[in-house]
PDB file of N, CA and C in Angstrom:
ATOM      1  N   HIS A   1      -1.618 -21.495 -11.350  1.00  0.00           N
ATOM      2  CA  HIS A   1      -2.525 -21.412 -10.220  1.00  0.00           C
ATOM      3  C   HIS A   1      -2.110 -20.222  -9.369  1.00  0.00           C
ATOM      4  N   VAL A   2      -3.064 -19.385  -9.097  1.00  0.00           N
ATOM      5  CA  VAL A   2      -2.780 -18.198  -8.294  1.00  0.00           C
ATOM      6  C   VAL A   2      -3.783 -18.101  -7.155  1.00  0.00           C
ATOM      7  N   THR A   3      -3.372 -17.374  -6.139  1.00  0.00           N
ATOM      8  CA  THR A   3      -4.282 -17.010  -5.061  1.00  0.00           C
ATOM      9  C   THR A   3      -4.428 -15.499  -5.078  1.00  0.00           C
ATOM     10  N   ALA A   4      -5.466 -15.013  -4.442  1.00  0.00           N
ATOM     11  CA  ALA A   4      -5.633 -13.565  -4.336  1.00  0.00           C
ATOM     12  C   ALA A   4      -4.439 -12.966  -3.602  1.00  0.00           C
ATOM     13  N   GLU A   5      -3.955 -13.677  -2.595  1.00  0.00           N
ATOM     14  CA  GLU A   5      -2.822 -13.182  -1.815  1.00  0.00           C
ATOM     15  C   GLU A   5      -1.556 -13.093  -2.659  1.00  0.00           C
ATOM     16  N   SER A   6      -1.319 -14.117  -3.496  1.00  0.00           N
ATOM     17  CA  SER A   6      -0.102 -14.094  -4.318  1.00  0.00           C
ATOM     18  C   SER A   6      -0.172 -12.980  -5.356  1.00  0.00           C
ATOM     19  N   LEU A   7      -1.351 -12.728  -5.915  1.00  0.00           N
ATOM     20  CA  LEU A   7      -1.496 -11.625  -6.867  1.00  0.00           C
ATOM     21  C   LEU A   7      -1.315 -10.278  -6.179  1.00  0.00           C
ATOM     22  N   PHE A   8      -1.833 -10.156  -4.970  1.00  0.00           N
ATOM     23  CA  PHE A   8      -1.675  -8.912  -4.210  1.00  0.00           C
ATOM     24  C   PHE A   8      -0.193  -8.642  -3.947  1.00  0.00           C
ATOM     25  N   GLU A   9       0.553  -9.668  -3.528  1.00  0.00           N
ATOM     26  CA  GLU A   9       1.989  -9.503  -3.264  1.00  0.00           C
ATOM     27  C   GLU A   9       2.746  -9.151  -4.540  1.00  0.00           C
ATOM     28  N   GLU A  10       2.358  -9.762  -5.657  1.00  0.00           N
ATOM     29  CA  GLU A  10       2.999  -9.456  -6.935  1.00  0.00           C
ATOM     30  C   GLU A  10       2.743  -8.008  -7.340  1.00  0.00           C
ATOM     31  N   ALA A  11       1.510  -7.563  -7.166  1.00  0.00           N
ATOM     32  CA  ALA A  11       1.162  -6.176  -7.496  1.00  0.00           C
ATOM     33  C   ALA A  11       1.931  -5.210  -6.601  1.00  0.00           C
ATOM     34  N   LYS A  12       2.014  -5.540  -5.320  1.00  0.00           N
ATOM     35  CA  LYS A  12       2.746  -4.690  -4.369  1.00  0.00           C
ATOM     36  C   LYS A  12       4.218  -4.598  -4.763  1.00  0.00           C
ATOM     37  N   SER A  13       4.813  -5.723  -5.146  1.00  0.00           N
ATOM     38  CA  SER A  13       6.225  -5.744  -5.561  1.00  0.00           C
ATOM     39  C   SER A  13       6.457  -4.909  -6.811  1.00  0.00           C
ATOM     40  N   ALA A  14       5.435  -4.816  -7.656  1.00  0.00           N
ATOM     41  CA  ALA A  14       5.547  -4.042  -8.894  1.00  0.00           C
ATOM     42  C   ALA A  14       5.064  -2.602  -8.704  1.00  0.00           C
ATOM     43  N   ASN A  15       4.855  -2.209  -7.437  1.00  0.00           N
ATOM     44  CA  ASN A  15       4.374  -0.862  -7.100  1.00  0.00           C
ATOM     45  C   ASN A  15       3.044  -0.529  -7.759  1.00  0.00           C
ATOM     46  N   ILE A  16       2.178  -1.525  -7.864  1.00  0.00           N
ATOM     47  CA  ILE A  16       0.829  -1.314  -8.384  1.00  0.00           C
ATOM     48  C   ILE A  16      -0.103  -1.197  -7.184  1.00  0.00           C
ATOM     49  N   CYS A  17      -0.813  -0.102  -7.115  1.00  0.00           N
ATOM     50  CA  CYS A  17      -1.700   0.157  -5.980  1.00  0.00           C
ATOM     51  C   CYS A  17      -3.073  -0.462  -6.247  1.00  0.00           C
ATOM     52  N   VAL A  18      -3.353  -1.547  -5.558  1.00  0.00           N
ATOM     53  CA  VAL A  18      -4.637  -2.230  -5.692  1.00  0.00           C
ATOM     54  C   VAL A  18      -4.949  -2.892  -4.355  1.00  0.00           C
ATOM     55  N   SER A  19      -6.206  -2.901  -3.976  1.00  0.00           N
ATOM     56  CA  SER A  19      -6.572  -3.507  -2.699  1.00  0.00           C
ATOM     57  C   SER A  19      -6.800  -5.005  -2.863  1.00  0.00           C
ATOM     58  N   GLN A  20      -6.661  -5.717  -1.752  1.00  0.00           N
ATOM     59  CA  GLN A  20      -6.937  -7.157  -1.783  1.00  0.00           C
ATOM     60  C   GLN A  20      -8.400  -7.408  -2.129  1.00  0.00           C
ATOM     61  N   ALA A  21      -9.286  -6.544  -1.656  1.00  0.00           N
ATOM     62  CA  ALA A  21     -10.712  -6.702  -1.954  1.00  0.00           C
ATOM     63  C   ALA A  21     -10.962  -6.625  -3.457  1.00  0.00           C
ATOM     64  N   THR A  22     -10.277  -5.709  -4.135  1.00  0.00           N
ATOM     65  CA  THR A  22     -10.431  -5.584  -5.586  1.00  0.00           C
ATOM     66  C   THR A  22      -9.963  -6.854  -6.279  1.00  0.00           C
ATOM     67  N   ILE A  23      -8.856  -7.403  -5.816  1.00  0.00           N
ATOM     68  CA  ILE A  23      -8.338  -8.638  -6.413  1.00  0.00           C
ATOM     69  C   ILE A  23      -9.323  -9.785  -6.192  1.00  0.00           C
ATOM     70  N   TYR A  24      -9.811  -9.943  -4.953  1.00  0.00           N
ATOM     71  CA  TYR A  24     -10.794 -10.991  -4.668  1.00  0.00           C
ATOM     72  C   TYR A  24     -12.036 -10.828  -5.540  1.00  0.00           C
ATOM     73  N   ASN A  25     -12.555  -9.607  -5.602  1.00  0.00           N
ATOM     74  CA  ASN A  25     -13.767  -9.359  -6.387  1.00  0.00           C
ATOM     75  C   ASN A  25     -13.548  -9.663  -7.861  1.00  0.00           C
ATOM     76  N   THR A  26     -12.401  -9.263  -8.390  1.00  0.00           N
ATOM     77  CA  THR A  26     -12.102  -9.500  -9.803  1.00  0.00           C
ATOM     78  C   THR A  26     -11.961 -10.994 -10.089  1.00  0.00           C
ATOM     79  N   LEU A  27     -11.228 -11.708  -9.240  1.00  0.00           N
ATOM     80  CA  LEU A  27     -11.078 -13.155  -9.430  1.00  0.00           C
ATOM     81  C   LEU A  27     -12.432 -13.857  -9.373  1.00  0.00           C
ATOM     82  N   ASN A  28     -13.269 -13.449  -8.426  1.00  0.00           N
ATOM     83  CA  ASN A  28     -14.594 -14.065  -8.312  1.00  0.00           C
ATOM     84  C   ASN A  28     -15.469 -13.749  -9.524  1.00  0.00           C
ATOM     85  N   GLN A  29     -15.360 -12.535 -10.054  1.00  0.00           N
ATOM     86  CA  GLN A  29     -16.109 -12.190 -11.268  1.00  0.00           C
ATOM     87  C   GLN A  29     -15.609 -13.003 -12.460  1.00  0.00           C
ATOM     88  N   PHE A  30     -14.299 -13.173 -12.567  1.00  0.00           N
ATOM     89  CA  PHE A  30     -13.743 -13.998 -13.643  1.00  0.00           C
ATOM     90  C   PHE A  30     -14.219 -15.438 -13.506  1.00  0.00           C
ATOM     91  N   ARG A  31     -14.244 -15.945 -12.272  1.00  0.00           N
ATOM     92  CA  ARG A  31     -14.748 -17.305 -12.029  1.00  0.00           C
ATOM     93  C   ARG A  31     -16.212 -17.408 -12.447  1.00  0.00           C
ATOM     94  N   ASP A  32     -17.014 -16.448 -12.015  1.00  0.00           N
ATOM     95  CA  ASP A  32     -18.442 -16.469 -12.340  1.00  0.00           C
ATOM     96  C   ASP A  32     -18.692 -16.367 -13.843  1.00  0.00           C
ATOM     97  N   ALA A  33     -17.784 -15.686 -14.555  1.00  0.00           N
ATOM     98  CA  ALA A  33     -17.910 -15.540 -16.011  1.00  0.00           C
ATOM     99  C   ALA A  33     -17.365 -16.754 -16.759  1.00  0.00           C
ATOM    100  N   GLY A  34     -16.782 -17.712 -16.020  1.00  0.00           N
ATOM    101  CA  GLY A  34     -16.246 -18.913 -16.653  1.00  0.00           C
ATOM    102  C   GLY A  34     -14.847 -18.746 -17.206  1.00  0.00           C
ATOM    103  N   LEU A  35     -14.145 -17.694 -16.788  1.00  0.00           N
ATOM    104  CA  LEU A  35     -12.779 -17.458 -17.266  1.00  0.00           C
ATOM    105  C   LEU A  35     -11.733 -18.122 -16.381  1.00  0.00           C
ATOM    106  N   LEU A  36     -12.103 -18.428 -15.150  1.00  0.00           N
ATOM    107  CA  LEU A  36     -11.227 -19.099 -14.188  1.00  0.00           C
ATOM    108  C   LEU A  36     -12.024 -20.196 -13.501  1.00  0.00           C
ATOM    109  N   ARG A  37     -11.288 -21.141 -12.971  1.00  0.00           N
ATOM    110  CA  ARG A  37     -11.886 -22.208 -12.170  1.00  0.00           C
ATOM    111  C   ARG A  37     -11.322 -22.067 -10.762  1.00  0.00           C
ATOM    112  N   GLU A  38     -12.173 -22.150  -9.756  1.00  0.00           N
ATOM    113  CA  GLU A  38     -11.711 -22.051  -8.373  1.00  0.00           C
ATOM    114  C   GLU A  38     -11.442 -23.448  -7.832  1.00  0.00           C
ATOM    115  N   VAL A  39     -10.305 -23.597  -7.175  1.00  0.00           N
ATOM    116  CA  VAL A  39      -9.924 -24.865  -6.557  1.00  0.00           C
ATOM    117  C   VAL A  39      -9.771 -24.608  -5.062  1.00  0.00           C
ATOM    118  N   VAL A  40     -10.594 -25.252  -4.257  1.00  0.00           N
ATOM    119  CA  VAL A  40     -10.540 -25.086  -2.805  1.00  0.00           C
ATOM    120  C   VAL A  40      -9.782 -26.272  -2.233  1.00  0.00           C
ATOM    121  N   VAL A  41      -8.641 -26.000  -1.593  1.00  0.00           N
ATOM    122  CA  VAL A  41      -7.851 -27.096  -1.021  1.00  0.00           C
ATOM    123  C   VAL A  41      -8.107 -27.259   0.470  1.00  0.00           C
ATOM    124  N   ASP A  42      -8.595 -26.224   1.114  1.00  0.00           N
ATOM    125  CA  ASP A  42      -9.045 -26.336   2.498  1.00  0.00           C
ATOM    126  C   ASP A  42     -10.002 -25.188   2.778  1.00  0.00           C
ATOM    127  N   HIS A  43     -10.680 -25.276   3.887  1.00  0.00           N
ATOM    128  CA  HIS A  43     -11.685 -24.261   4.202  1.00  0.00           C
ATOM    129  C   HIS A  43     -11.130 -23.168   5.106  1.00  0.00           C
ATOM    130  N   ASN A  44      -9.820 -23.087   5.193  1.00  0.00           N
ATOM    131  CA  ASN A  44      -9.156 -22.035   5.967  1.00  0.00           C
ATOM    132  C   ASN A  44      -8.499 -21.020   5.048  1.00  0.00           C
ATOM    133  N   GLY A  45      -9.076 -20.796   3.905  1.00  0.00           N
ATOM    134  CA  GLY A  45      -8.534 -19.799   2.986  1.00  0.00           C
ATOM    135  C   GLY A  45      -7.707 -20.366   1.863  1.00  0.00           C
ATOM    136  N   GLY A  46      -7.624 -21.676   1.740  1.00  0.00           N
ATOM    137  CA  GLY A  46      -6.836 -22.286   0.674  1.00  0.00           C
ATOM    138  C   GLY A  46      -7.602 -22.324  -0.632  1.00  0.00           C
ATOM    139  N   HIS A  47      -7.747 -21.157  -1.259  1.00  0.00           N
ATOM    140  CA  HIS A  47      -8.464 -21.047  -2.533  1.00  0.00           C
ATOM    141  C   HIS A  47      -7.486 -20.638  -3.623  1.00  0.00           C
ATOM    142  N   TYR A  48      -7.454 -21.425  -4.676  1.00  0.00           N
ATOM    143  CA  TYR A  48      -6.608 -21.126  -5.831  1.00  0.00           C
ATOM    144  C   TYR A  48      -7.510 -20.871  -7.029  1.00  0.00           C
ATOM    145  N   PHE A  49      -6.992 -20.119  -7.980  1.00  0.00           N
ATOM    146  CA  PHE A  49      -7.717 -19.876  -9.220  1.00  0.00           C
ATOM    147  C   PHE A  49      -6.878 -20.431 -10.355  1.00  0.00           C
ATOM    148  N   ASP A  50      -7.546 -21.144 -11.247  1.00  0.00           N
ATOM    149  CA  ASP A  50      -6.891 -21.912 -12.296  1.00  0.00           C
ATOM    150  C   ASP A  50      -7.369 -21.410 -13.652  1.00  0.00           C
ATOM    151  N   THR A  51      -6.430 -21.094 -14.530  1.00  0.00           N
ATOM    152  CA  THR A  51      -6.792 -20.652 -15.881  1.00  0.00           C
ATOM    153  C   THR A  51      -7.029 -21.832 -16.820  1.00  0.00           C
ATOM    154  N   ASN A  52      -6.650 -23.025 -16.401  1.00  0.00           N
ATOM    155  CA  ASN A  52      -6.865 -24.224 -17.214  1.00  0.00           C
ATOM    156  C   ASN A  52      -8.307 -24.686 -17.011  1.00  0.00           C
ATOM    157  N   LEU A  53      -9.139 -24.467 -17.999  1.00  0.00           N
ATOM    158  CA  LEU A  53     -10.552 -24.813 -17.891  1.00  0.00           C
ATOM    159  C   LEU A  53     -10.871 -26.193 -18.447  1.00  0.00           C
ATOM    160  N   GLU A  54      -9.850 -26.883 -18.971  1.00  0.00           N
ATOM    161  CA  GLU A  54     -10.045 -28.250 -19.460  1.00  0.00           C
ATOM    162  C   GLU A  54     -10.264 -29.182 -18.267  1.00  0.00           C
ATOM    163  N   ALA A  55     -10.880 -30.330 -18.527  1.00  0.00           N
ATOM    164  CA  ALA A  55     -11.095 -31.312 -17.466  1.00  0.00           C
ATOM    165  C   ALA A  55      -9.743 -31.793 -16.942  1.00  0.00           C
ATOM    166  N   HIS A  56      -9.514 -31.632 -15.648  1.00  0.00           N
ATOM    167  CA  HIS A  56      -8.285 -32.115 -15.024  1.00  0.00           C
ATOM    168  C   HIS A  56      -8.459 -32.108 -13.509  1.00  0.00           C
ATOM    169  N   HIS A  57      -7.512 -32.737 -12.842  1.00  0.00           N
ATOM    170  CA  HIS A  57      -7.504 -32.808 -11.392  1.00  0.00           C
ATOM    171  C   HIS A  57      -6.192 -32.181 -10.913  1.00  0.00           C
ATOM    172  N   HIS A  58      -5.900 -32.317  -9.616  1.00  0.00           N
ATOM    173  CA  HIS A  58      -4.706 -31.662  -9.078  1.00  0.00           C
ATOM    174  C   HIS A  58      -3.983 -32.517  -8.049  1.00  0.00           C
ATOM    175  N   PHE A  59      -2.660 -32.366  -8.035  1.00  0.00           N
ATOM    176  CA  PHE A  59      -1.844 -32.718  -6.881  1.00  0.00           C
ATOM    177  C   PHE A  59      -1.735 -31.439  -6.064  1.00  0.00           C
ATOM    178  N   TYR A  60      -1.797 -31.569  -4.737  1.00  0.00           N
ATOM    179  CA  TYR A  60      -1.572 -30.422  -3.855  1.00  0.00           C
ATOM    180  C   TYR A  60      -0.415 -30.753  -2.933  1.00  0.00           C
ATOM    181  N   ILE A  61       0.648 -29.946  -3.013  1.00  0.00           N
ATOM    182  CA  ILE A  61       1.818 -30.122  -2.152  1.00  0.00           C
ATOM    183  C   ILE A  61       1.683 -29.120  -1.015  1.00  0.00           C
ATOM    184  N   GLU A  62       1.266 -29.612   0.141  1.00  0.00           N
ATOM    185  CA  GLU A  62       0.949 -28.728   1.264  1.00  0.00           C
ATOM    186  C   GLU A  62       2.158 -27.941   1.749  1.00  0.00           C
ATOM    187  N   GLU A  63       3.341 -28.589   1.827  1.00  0.00           N
ATOM    188  CA  GLU A  63       4.533 -27.888   2.328  1.00  0.00           C
ATOM    189  C   GLU A  63       4.887 -26.690   1.454  1.00  0.00           C
ATOM    190  N   GLU A  64       4.518 -26.755   0.196  1.00  0.00           N
ATOM    191  CA  GLU A  64       4.841 -25.681  -0.748  1.00  0.00           C
ATOM    192  C   GLU A  64       3.621 -24.839  -1.097  1.00  0.00           C
ATOM    193  N   ALA A  65       2.450 -25.226  -0.597  1.00  0.00           N
ATOM    194  CA  ALA A  65       1.189 -24.560  -0.945  1.00  0.00           C
ATOM    195  C   ALA A  65       1.084 -24.412  -2.460  1.00  0.00           C
ATOM    196  N   ARG A  66       1.263 -25.556  -3.157  1.00  0.00           N
ATOM    197  CA  ARG A  66       1.335 -25.520  -4.621  1.00  0.00           C
ATOM    198  C   ARG A  66       0.454 -26.600  -5.231  1.00  0.00           C
ATOM    199  N   LEU A  67      -0.210 -26.233  -6.317  1.00  0.00           N
ATOM    200  CA  LEU A  67      -1.020 -27.168  -7.093  1.00  0.00           C
ATOM    201  C   LEU A  67      -0.302 -27.537  -8.376  1.00  0.00           C
ATOM    202  N   ILE A  68      -0.444 -28.800  -8.778  1.00  0.00           N
ATOM    203  CA  ILE A  68       0.095 -29.282 -10.050  1.00  0.00           C
ATOM    204  C   ILE A  68      -1.055 -29.960 -10.785  1.00  0.00           C
ATOM    205  N   ASP A  69      -1.229 -29.628 -12.048  1.00  0.00           N
ATOM    206  CA  ASP A  69      -2.294 -30.239 -12.843  1.00  0.00           C
ATOM    207  C   ASP A  69      -2.045 -31.726 -13.063  1.00  0.00           C
ATOM    208  N   VAL A  70      -3.125 -32.492 -13.030  1.00  0.00           N
ATOM    209  CA  VAL A  70      -3.116 -33.921 -13.345  1.00  0.00           C
ATOM    210  C   VAL A  70      -4.152 -34.121 -14.451  1.00  0.00           C
ATOM    211  N   PRO A  71      -3.738 -34.589 -15.639  1.00  0.00           N
ATOM    212  CA  PRO A  71      -4.712 -34.805 -16.709  1.00  0.00           C
ATOM    213  C   PRO A  71      -5.824 -35.750 -16.253  1.00  0.00           C
ATOM    214  N   HIS A  72      -7.050 -35.447 -16.648  1.00  0.00           N
ATOM    215  CA  HIS A  72      -8.175 -36.284 -16.212  1.00  0.00           C
ATOM    216  C   HIS A  72      -8.050 -37.714 -16.723  1.00  0.00           C
ATOM    217  N   THR A  73      -7.293 -37.912 -17.797  1.00  0.00           N
ATOM    218  CA  THR A  73      -7.114 -39.261 -18.343  1.00  0.00           C
ATOM    219  C   THR A  73      -6.229 -40.129 -17.451  1.00  0.00           C
ATOM    220  N   GLN A  74      -5.514 -39.513 -16.497  1.00  0.00           N
ATOM    221  CA  GLN A  74      -4.645 -40.272 -15.595  1.00  0.00           C
ATOM    222  C   GLN A  74      -5.351 -40.671 -14.302  1.00  0.00           C
ATOM    223  N   VAL A  75      -6.614 -40.308 -14.177  1.00  0.00           N
ATOM    224  CA  VAL A  75      -7.390 -40.657 -12.987  1.00  0.00           C
ATOM    225  C   VAL A  75      -8.574 -41.508 -13.434  1.00  0.00           C
ATOM    226  N   ALA A  76      -8.663 -42.707 -12.870  1.00  0.00           N
ATOM    227  CA  ALA A  76      -9.772 -43.603 -13.203  1.00  0.00           C
ATOM    228  C   ALA A  76     -10.770 -43.595 -12.048  1.00  0.00           C
ATOM    229  N   LEU A  77     -11.994 -43.257 -12.365  1.00  0.00           N
ATOM    230  CA  LEU A  77     -13.040 -43.264 -11.347  1.00  0.00           C
ATOM    231  C   LEU A  77     -13.769 -44.590 -11.401  1.00  0.00           C
ATOM    232  N   GLY A  78     -13.919 -45.190 -10.248  1.00  0.00           N
ATOM    233  CA  GLY A  78     -14.656 -46.444 -10.170  1.00  0.00           C
ATOM    234  C   GLY A  78     -16.127 -46.161  -9.956  1.00  0.00           C
ATOM    235  N   HIS A  79     -16.722 -46.928  -9.125  1.00  0.00           N
ATOM    236  CA  HIS A  79     -18.151 -46.801  -8.847  1.00  0.00           C
ATOM    237  C   HIS A  79     -18.406 -45.560  -7.993  1.00  0.00           C
ATOM    238  N   LEU A  80     -19.277 -44.692  -8.462  1.00  0.00           N
ATOM    239  CA  LEU A  80     -19.686 -43.525  -7.686  1.00  0.00           C
ATOM    240  C   LEU A  80     -21.081 -43.772  -7.134  1.00  0.00           C
ATOM    241  N   PRO A  81     -21.335 -43.349  -5.914  1.00  0.00           N
ATOM    242  CA  PRO A  81     -22.677 -43.552  -5.367  1.00  0.00           C
ATOM    243  C   PRO A  81     -23.686 -42.678  -6.108  1.00  0.00           C
ATOM    244  N   PRO A  82     -24.900 -43.150  -6.222  1.00  0.00           N
ATOM    245  CA  PRO A  82     -25.907 -42.308  -6.879  1.00  0.00           C
ATOM    246  C   PRO A  82     -26.217 -41.106  -5.988  1.00  0.00           C
ATOM    247  N   PRO A  83     -26.466 -39.955  -6.595  1.00  0.00           N
ATOM    248  CA  PRO A  83     -26.821 -38.791  -5.780  1.00  0.00           C
ATOM    249  C   PRO A  83     -28.201 -38.980  -5.149  1.00  0.00           C
ATOM    250  N   PRO A  84     -28.471 -38.255  -4.089  1.00  0.00           N
ATOM    251  CA  PRO A  84     -29.794 -38.354  -3.463  1.00  0.00           C
ATOM    252  C   PRO A  84     -30.905 -38.007  -4.462  1.00  0.00           C
ATOM    253  N   GLN A  85     -32.074 -38.489  -4.179  1.00  0.00           N
ATOM    254  CA  GLN A  85     -33.219 -38.247  -5.066  1.00  0.00           C
ATOM    255  C   GLN A  85     -33.415 -36.745  -5.267  1.00  0.00           C
ATOM    256  N   GLY A  86     -33.630 -36.375  -6.515  1.00  0.00           N
ATOM    257  CA  GLY A  86     -33.840 -34.971  -6.840  1.00  0.00           C
ATOM    258  C   GLY A  86     -32.567 -34.229  -7.200  1.00  0.00           C
ATOM    259  N   TYR A  87     -31.419 -34.932  -7.178  1.00  0.00           N
ATOM    260  CA  TYR A  87     -30.134 -34.314  -7.495  1.00  0.00           C
ATOM    261  C   TYR A  87     -29.454 -35.073  -8.624  1.00  0.00           C
ATOM    262  N   ALA A  88     -28.600 -34.355  -9.355  1.00  0.00           N
ATOM    263  CA  ALA A  88     -27.812 -34.973 -10.426  1.00  0.00           C
ATOM    264  C   ALA A  88     -26.350 -34.604 -10.221  1.00  0.00           C
ATOM    265  N   LEU A  89     -25.462 -35.523 -10.520  1.00  0.00           N
ATOM    266  CA  LEU A  89     -24.029 -35.262 -10.403  1.00  0.00           C
ATOM    267  C   LEU A  89     -23.635 -34.175 -11.397  1.00  0.00           C
ATOM    268  N   ASP A  90     -22.963 -33.148 -10.917  1.00  0.00           N
ATOM    269  CA  ASP A  90     -22.565 -32.024 -11.766  1.00  0.00           C
ATOM    270  C   ASP A  90     -21.111 -32.137 -12.192  1.00  0.00           C
ATOM    271  N   SER A  91     -20.231 -32.490 -11.247  1.00  0.00           N
ATOM    272  CA  SER A  91     -18.814 -32.623 -11.580  1.00  0.00           C
ATOM    273  C   SER A  91     -18.106 -33.392 -10.471  1.00  0.00           C
ATOM    274  N   VAL A  92     -16.905 -33.842 -10.786  1.00  0.00           N
ATOM    275  CA  VAL A  92     -16.052 -34.509  -9.807  1.00  0.00           C
ATOM    276  C   VAL A  92     -14.704 -33.806  -9.845  1.00  0.00           C
ATOM    277  N   ASP A  93     -14.297 -33.256  -8.716  1.00  0.00           N
ATOM    278  CA  ASP A  93     -13.011 -32.573  -8.604  1.00  0.00           C
ATOM    279  C   ASP A  93     -12.155 -33.341  -7.612  1.00  0.00           C
ATOM    280  N   ILE A  94     -11.012 -33.826  -8.073  1.00  0.00           N
ATOM    281  CA  ILE A  94     -10.140 -34.618  -7.217  1.00  0.00           C
ATOM    282  C   ILE A  94      -8.856 -33.846  -6.948  1.00  0.00           C
ATOM    283  N   THR A  95      -8.531 -33.718  -5.669  1.00  0.00           N
ATOM    284  CA  THR A  95      -7.260 -33.125  -5.260  1.00  0.00           C
ATOM    285  C   THR A  95      -6.496 -34.190  -4.491  1.00  0.00           C
ATOM    286  N   LEU A  96      -5.368 -34.605  -5.047  1.00  0.00           N
ATOM    287  CA  LEU A  96      -4.515 -35.621  -4.428  1.00  0.00           C
ATOM    288  C   LEU A  96      -3.459 -34.897  -3.603  1.00  0.00           C
ATOM    289  N   ARG A  97      -3.503 -35.061  -2.308  1.00  0.00           N
ATOM    290  CA  ARG A  97      -2.558 -34.382  -1.414  1.00  0.00           C
ATOM    291  C   ARG A  97      -1.286 -35.218  -1.312  1.00  0.00           C
ATOM    292  N   ILE A  98      -0.167 -34.589  -1.631  1.00  0.00           N
ATOM    293  CA  ILE A  98       1.108 -35.312  -1.623  1.00  0.00           C
ATOM    294  C   ILE A  98       2.112 -34.573  -0.754  1.00  0.00           C
ATOM    295  N   LYS A  99       3.130 -35.308  -0.305  1.00  0.00           N
ATOM    296  CA  LYS A  99       4.222 -34.690   0.454  1.00  0.00           C
ATOM    297  C   LYS A  99       5.532 -35.335   0.051  1.00  0.00           C
ATOM    298  N   SER A 100       6.599 -34.640   0.312  1.00  0.00           N
ATOM    299  CA  SER A 100       7.931 -35.119  -0.031  1.00  0.00           C
ATOM    300  C   SER A 100       8.225 -36.420   0.710  1.00  0.00           C
ATOM    301  N   LYS A 101       8.947 -37.321   0.061  1.00  0.00           N
ATOM    302  CA  LYS A 101       9.320 -38.591   0.687  1.00  0.00           C
ATOM    303  C   LYS A 101      10.365 -38.404   1.772  1.00  0.00           C
ATOM    304  N   THR A 102      11.093 -37.310   1.738  1.00  0.00           N
ATOM    305  CA  THR A 102      12.170 -37.105   2.723  1.00  0.00           C
ATOM    306  C   THR A 102      11.706 -36.367   3.931  1.00  0.00           C
TER     307      THR A 102
END
């Protein structure tokens, strides 16, 4: 799981000259092409890109700003409400927010 910011910092550390806008645009193009999946953990910029395109969910460790894959077979969905008239359910994305016990 990567963010545009983490890729930008990695490129900077490797002395690769690339703008953050280029990284954002490229990640979004990859997402639109179906090569990456976007995972939004909050609406304040918490966007991750995932190369695992198989059905799965995530644990999100906020203190570490880190996602961990959870196989979809380990999550049981119970009764889901029917979508409003004229709509069909497209997907279910579950992010389980966890924190250290200590």
